[in-house]
Every structure is written in C-alpha cells, then in structure tokens.
Amino acid sequence: MKFIPLHSRGGNYLIVASNVAWLRTGENGQTMVGIVGSSPLLVTGSIEEVAEIILKG
C-alpha cells in the first residue's frame, strides 16, 4: 500500500494512491479528491498539482 500526503486548509491527509477515483475543481483554488468507499476530500492545489503529487507517489 502506497500512502500519499495531501495538504488541506483544515489539516493534512495520508491517502492510499490506489483508492483515488477522481479529481474535480473545488472552491478557492482547491481540489476535490474522490476516494473509493469514502467521502471526497477537499485539498489545496489545482487538479494538475494534486494529480502530479499522486502520480509521483
């Protein structure tokens, strides 16, 4: 299992990269990250920035 750190304005997350289902533009320059079997997370950064973090991980 590969954990990826994602930052949020309310705290930070460690997510399992293989559980990411989708990315969508959120509010105020943030991105919604869809997680399989869970509620989406609102994290800082554009879709491109978040995708790059996930793909590098």
Protein backbone atom coordinates (compact mmCIF):
# COMPACT_ATOMS: atom_id res chain seq x y z
CA MET A 1 0.00 0.00 0.00
CA LYS A 2 1.42 3.37 -1.04
CA PHE A 3 0.43 6.39 1.07
CA ILE A 4 0.45 9.87 -0.47
CA PRO A 5 0.47 13.05 1.67
CA LEU A 6 -2.09 15.69 0.62
CA HIS A 7 -2.46 19.03 2.36
CA SER A 8 -5.70 20.73 3.30
CA ARG A 9 -6.51 24.05 4.92
CA GLY A 10 -8.12 22.14 7.80
CA GLY A 11 -5.34 19.57 8.24
CA ASN A 12 -3.31 17.05 6.28
CA TYR A 13 -4.21 13.63 4.88
CA LEU A 14 -2.33 10.45 4.05
CA ILE A 15 -4.32 8.67 1.35
CA VAL A 16 -3.81 5.35 -0.40
CA ALA A 17 -2.96 6.25 -4.00
CA SER A 18 -4.83 3.30 -5.50
CA ASN A 19 -8.06 4.45 -3.77
CA VAL A 20 -8.28 7.76 -5.67
CA ALA A 21 -11.25 7.57 -8.04
CA TRP A 22 -11.49 11.13 -9.44
CA LEU A 23 -10.36 14.76 -9.13
CA ARG A 24 -12.61 17.80 -9.52
CA THR A 25 -12.04 21.54 -9.21
CA GLY A 26 -13.19 22.75 -5.80
CA GLU A 27 -13.64 26.19 -4.35
CA ASN A 28 -10.95 28.83 -3.82
CA GLY A 29 -8.24 27.08 -5.84
CA GLN A 30 -8.69 23.76 -4.08
CA THR A 31 -9.38 20.28 -5.48
CA MET A 32 -11.93 17.64 -4.51
CA VAL A 33 -10.39 14.16 -4.36
CA GLY A 34 -12.84 11.28 -4.72
CA ILE A 35 -11.91 8.28 -2.62
CA VAL A 36 -13.31 4.79 -3.27
CA GLY A 37 -15.69 3.89 -0.44
CA SER A 38 -15.45 7.28 1.29
CA SER A 39 -16.49 10.90 1.10
CA PRO A 40 -14.43 13.24 -1.11
CA LEU A 41 -11.62 15.27 0.44
CA LEU A 42 -11.04 18.97 -0.21
CA VAL A 43 -7.29 19.57 -0.55
CA THR A 44 -5.14 22.54 -1.51
CA GLY A 45 -3.81 22.94 -5.04
CA SER A 46 -5.12 22.74 -8.59
CA ILE A 47 -6.17 19.48 -10.25
CA GLU A 48 -2.85 19.40 -12.08
CA GLU A 49 -0.83 19.90 -8.89
CA VAL A 50 -2.75 17.23 -6.98
CA ALA A 51 -2.53 14.78 -9.92
CA GLU A 52 1.22 15.32 -10.08
CA ILE A 53 1.60 14.58 -6.34
CA ILE A 54 -0.46 11.39 -6.70
CA LEU A 55 1.39 10.21 -9.80
CA LYS A 56 4.83 10.88 -8.27
CA GLY A 57 3.84 8.98 -5.14
